[in-house]
Protein backbone atom coordinates (compact mmCIF):
# COMPACT_ATOMS: atom_id res chain seq x y z
CA UNK A 1 70.89 -108.31 -49.22
CA UNK A 2 72.64 -109.04 -52.50
CA UNK A 3 75.36 -111.69 -52.14
CA UNK A 4 78.11 -111.57 -54.75
CA UNK A 5 80.52 -114.11 -53.23
CA UNK A 6 79.75 -116.71 -50.58
CA UNK A 7 80.07 -115.62 -46.95
CA UNK A 8 79.98 -117.46 -43.63
CA UNK A 9 76.61 -118.23 -42.09
CA UNK A 10 77.46 -116.16 -39.01
CA UNK A 11 78.23 -113.12 -41.17
CA UNK A 12 75.05 -113.55 -43.18
CA UNK A 13 72.99 -113.79 -39.98
CA UNK A 14 74.66 -110.63 -38.66
CA UNK A 15 73.76 -108.74 -41.83
CA UNK A 16 70.18 -109.97 -41.73
CA UNK A 17 69.99 -108.87 -38.10
CA UNK A 18 71.26 -105.44 -39.06
CA UNK A 19 68.74 -105.12 -41.89
CA UNK A 20 65.95 -105.88 -39.43
CA UNK A 21 67.14 -103.86 -36.43
CA UNK A 22 69.59 -101.31 -37.93
CA UNK A 23 71.93 -101.95 -35.03
CA UNK A 24 75.23 -103.77 -34.46
CA UNK A 25 76.68 -104.71 -31.09
CA UNK A 26 80.32 -104.70 -32.18
CA UNK A 27 82.91 -101.95 -31.89
CA UNK A 28 83.53 -99.78 -34.94
CA UNK A 29 86.99 -99.58 -36.51
CA UNK A 30 86.44 -96.21 -38.18
CA UNK A 31 83.73 -93.57 -37.91
CA UNK A 32 83.21 -90.71 -40.37
CA UNK A 33 80.38 -88.37 -41.33
CA UNK A 34 79.34 -90.64 -44.17
CA UNK A 35 79.84 -94.15 -42.80
CA UNK A 36 80.90 -96.46 -39.99
CA UNK A 37 83.39 -99.24 -40.73
CA UNK A 38 83.51 -102.53 -38.83
CA UNK A 39 86.03 -105.35 -39.04
CA UNK A 40 84.28 -108.73 -39.10
CA UNK A 41 87.09 -111.31 -39.10
CA UNK A 42 88.49 -111.06 -42.65
CA UNK A 43 85.62 -108.90 -43.86
CA UNK A 44 85.11 -105.14 -43.90
CA UNK A 45 81.56 -103.93 -43.30
CA UNK A 46 80.82 -100.32 -44.21
CA UNK A 47 77.48 -99.01 -42.99
CA UNK A 48 76.34 -95.76 -44.59
CA UNK A 49 74.88 -92.83 -42.68
CA UNK A 50 71.40 -91.70 -43.69
CA UNK A 51 72.87 -88.62 -45.39
CA UNK A 52 75.17 -90.82 -47.50
CA UNK A 53 72.73 -93.39 -48.91
CA UNK A 54 73.12 -92.09 -52.47
CA UNK A 55 76.91 -92.18 -52.12
CA UNK A 56 76.58 -95.73 -50.85
CA UNK A 57 74.58 -96.75 -53.89
CA UNK A 58 77.23 -95.22 -56.15
CA UNK A 59 79.96 -97.09 -54.27
CA UNK A 60 78.07 -100.38 -54.60
CA UNK A 61 77.74 -99.93 -58.36
CA UNK A 62 81.36 -98.90 -58.81
CA UNK A 63 82.67 -101.84 -56.77
CA UNK A 64 80.67 -104.30 -58.85
CA UNK A 65 82.07 -102.82 -62.08
CA UNK A 66 85.67 -102.86 -60.80
CA UNK A 67 85.86 -106.43 -59.50
CA UNK A 68 88.16 -107.53 -62.32
CA UNK A 69 90.79 -104.96 -61.30
CA UNK A 70 93.35 -106.04 -58.68
CA UNK A 71 93.34 -102.75 -56.78
CA UNK A 72 89.62 -103.03 -55.91
CA UNK A 73 88.70 -105.02 -52.80
CA UNK A 74 86.73 -108.22 -53.29
CA UNK A 75 83.02 -107.56 -52.92
CA UNK A 76 81.04 -110.13 -50.94
CA UNK A 77 77.62 -108.58 -50.35
CA UNK A 78 75.76 -105.30 -50.20
CA UNK A 79 72.41 -103.66 -49.67
CA UNK A 80 72.07 -100.62 -51.97
CA UNK A 81 72.74 -97.46 -50.01
CA UNK A 82 72.70 -99.33 -46.69
CA UNK A 83 75.98 -101.23 -46.39
CA UNK A 84 78.82 -102.90 -48.29
CA UNK A 85 80.73 -106.04 -47.26
CA UNK A 86 84.18 -106.44 -48.80
CA UNK A 87 87.44 -108.12 -47.88
CA UNK A 88 89.45 -106.48 -45.09
CA UNK A 89 92.67 -104.97 -46.46
CA UNK A 90 95.72 -104.36 -44.30
CA UNK A 91 97.40 -101.41 -45.96
CA UNK A 92 98.65 -97.86 -45.47
CA UNK A 93 98.01 -94.54 -47.14
CA UNK A 94 100.99 -92.65 -48.56
CA UNK A 95 101.94 -90.90 -45.33
CA UNK A 96 101.50 -94.04 -43.19
CA UNK A 97 103.50 -96.20 -45.62
CA UNK A 98 106.41 -93.77 -45.58
CA UNK A 99 106.37 -93.50 -41.79
CA UNK A 100 106.18 -97.27 -41.36
CA UNK A 101 108.75 -98.44 -43.92
CA UNK A 102 111.01 -95.41 -44.21
CA UNK A 103 110.54 -94.98 -47.97
CA UNK A 104 107.83 -94.17 -50.48
CA UNK A 105 105.80 -96.98 -52.07
CA UNK A 106 107.39 -98.60 -55.10
CA UNK A 107 105.86 -97.36 -58.37
CA UNK A 108 104.12 -94.45 -56.61
CA UNK A 109 103.14 -92.29 -59.60
CA UNK A 110 102.55 -95.33 -61.80
CA UNK A 111 100.09 -96.65 -59.21
CA UNK A 112 98.30 -93.32 -59.03
CA UNK A 113 97.73 -93.10 -62.77
CA UNK A 114 97.07 -96.74 -63.60
CA UNK A 115 94.35 -97.05 -60.97
CA UNK A 116 92.76 -93.88 -62.33
CA UNK A 117 92.92 -95.16 -65.90
CA UNK A 118 91.51 -98.55 -64.93
CA UNK A 119 88.64 -96.90 -63.14
CA UNK A 120 87.77 -94.70 -66.13
CA UNK A 121 88.05 -97.71 -68.45
CA UNK A 122 85.55 -99.52 -66.22
CA UNK A 123 83.19 -96.58 -66.63
CA UNK A 124 83.68 -94.56 -63.45
CA UNK A 125 85.32 -91.25 -62.59
CA UNK A 126 86.14 -89.50 -59.31
CA UNK A 127 85.23 -85.84 -59.56
CA UNK A 128 87.63 -84.84 -56.76
CA UNK A 129 91.32 -85.31 -55.92
CA UNK A 130 90.08 -87.79 -53.32
CA UNK A 131 90.86 -90.45 -55.93
CA UNK A 132 94.50 -90.21 -54.86
CA UNK A 133 93.78 -89.79 -51.14
CA UNK A 134 92.05 -93.17 -51.11
CA UNK A 135 94.98 -95.16 -52.45
CA UNK A 136 96.55 -97.65 -50.04
CA UNK A 137 99.69 -99.76 -50.23
CA UNK A 138 100.24 -103.16 -48.67
CA UNK A 139 103.40 -104.32 -46.95
CA UNK A 140 104.63 -105.75 -50.28
CA UNK A 141 103.93 -102.48 -52.14
CA UNK A 142 100.77 -103.61 -53.94
CA UNK A 143 98.29 -100.77 -54.43
CA UNK A 144 94.74 -101.06 -53.14
CA UNK A 145 91.78 -98.79 -52.60
CA UNK A 146 88.86 -98.98 -50.19
CA UNK A 147 86.64 -95.95 -50.89
CA UNK A 148 84.64 -95.50 -54.10
CA UNK A 149 81.80 -93.32 -52.84
CA UNK A 150 82.73 -90.36 -55.07
CA UNK A 151 82.71 -92.46 -58.22
CA UNK A 152 80.26 -91.37 -60.90
CA UNK A 153 79.39 -93.12 -64.18
CA UNK A 154 81.24 -91.41 -67.02
CA UNK A 155 78.86 -92.56 -69.78
CA UNK A 156 79.78 -90.83 -73.05
CA UNK A 157 82.71 -88.98 -71.42
CA UNK A 158 84.80 -92.10 -70.90
CA UNK A 159 87.06 -91.71 -73.93
CA UNK A 160 87.69 -87.98 -73.38
CA UNK A 161 88.47 -88.50 -69.68
CA UNK A 162 90.76 -91.41 -70.47
CA UNK A 163 92.64 -89.33 -73.05
CA UNK A 164 92.82 -86.43 -70.60
CA UNK A 165 94.72 -88.59 -68.13
CA UNK A 166 96.96 -89.94 -70.90
CA UNK A 167 97.85 -86.36 -71.86
CA UNK A 168 98.69 -85.57 -68.23
CA UNK A 169 100.92 -88.67 -68.15
CA UNK A 170 102.68 -87.59 -71.33
CA UNK A 171 103.15 -84.06 -70.03
CA UNK A 172 104.76 -85.25 -66.81
CA UNK A 173 106.88 -87.79 -68.64
CA UNK A 174 108.12 -85.02 -70.93
CA UNK A 175 108.91 -82.70 -68.03
CA UNK A 176 106.01 -80.23 -68.27
CA UNK A 177 106.56 -77.91 -65.29
CA UNK A 178 102.89 -77.04 -64.72
CA UNK A 179 101.85 -80.68 -64.42
CA UNK A 180 104.90 -81.60 -62.38
CA UNK A 181 104.49 -78.71 -59.95
CA UNK A 182 100.87 -79.68 -59.30
CA UNK A 183 101.96 -83.22 -58.41
CA UNK A 184 104.92 -81.93 -56.39
CA UNK A 185 102.54 -79.84 -54.26
CA UNK A 186 100.43 -82.93 -53.62
CA UNK A 187 103.53 -84.81 -52.47
CA UNK A 188 104.75 -81.93 -50.31
CA UNK A 189 101.38 -81.93 -48.52
CA UNK A 190 102.13 -85.54 -47.62
CA UNK A 191 105.54 -84.51 -46.28
CA UNK A 192 107.67 -86.13 -48.98
CA UNK A 193 111.16 -84.69 -49.34
CA UNK A 194 112.56 -83.24 -52.56
CA UNK A 195 114.76 -86.31 -53.06
CA UNK A 196 111.78 -88.64 -52.59
CA UNK A 197 109.77 -86.67 -55.14
CA UNK A 198 112.67 -86.78 -57.58
CA UNK A 199 112.90 -90.54 -57.06
CA UNK A 200 109.15 -90.91 -57.69
CA UNK A 201 109.42 -89.07 -61.02
CA UNK A 202 112.49 -91.10 -62.00
CA UNK A 203 110.72 -94.38 -61.26
CA UNK A 204 107.68 -93.19 -63.18
CA UNK A 205 109.64 -92.40 -66.34
CA UNK A 206 111.21 -95.85 -66.31
CA UNK A 207 107.71 -97.40 -66.37
CA UNK A 208 106.10 -95.15 -68.98
CA UNK A 209 105.64 -97.86 -71.70
CA UNK A 210 103.41 -99.92 -69.38
CA UNK A 211 101.02 -97.01 -68.86
CA UNK A 212 100.10 -96.87 -72.51
CA UNK A 213 98.28 -100.21 -72.24
CA UNK A 214 96.80 -99.78 -68.74
CA UNK A 215 93.24 -101.13 -68.82
């Protein structure tokens, strides 16, 4: 067990028990093919399936590198490829937020791009569109993210990837139809209306100067 921030004695004992027995006697909050998520008071424990140990190691490394960024959950402890203990975040994905509050998250497109830029700047890149699927918004509209298992170190590609996203931002800001249609299709899949999409683009253009210094 590697402890990054102090945790309660009861939580530490539970993790040590898991490391020894590979078993927990509490009910899971979420089960997927790659992991099982448990809520432990104000903590989130993600236990990786045997097939996802490498992904778990990648997530551990990415979380450590992204701790200075506000959209990343606070990391408390981890065992490489075995489990990760972070803060528990109460938030909604795009579809859930819209259904709950009756409107899209404030700064929707800005949040999508700034989190991506911050992640690349920190040295990590998601190779799939899942980077947007994993964004969550709190009740106050703050953007968060809980899954980093598809993050890969960018190494020497960091500058080119960063500039690639900046070009995409510029294209959308300037009304490039190819870039805009790709994002529109993403929004339509999440059941946004045409007026909501138009509002998202309008809000994005009003915030363009802030994106240039996103780090």
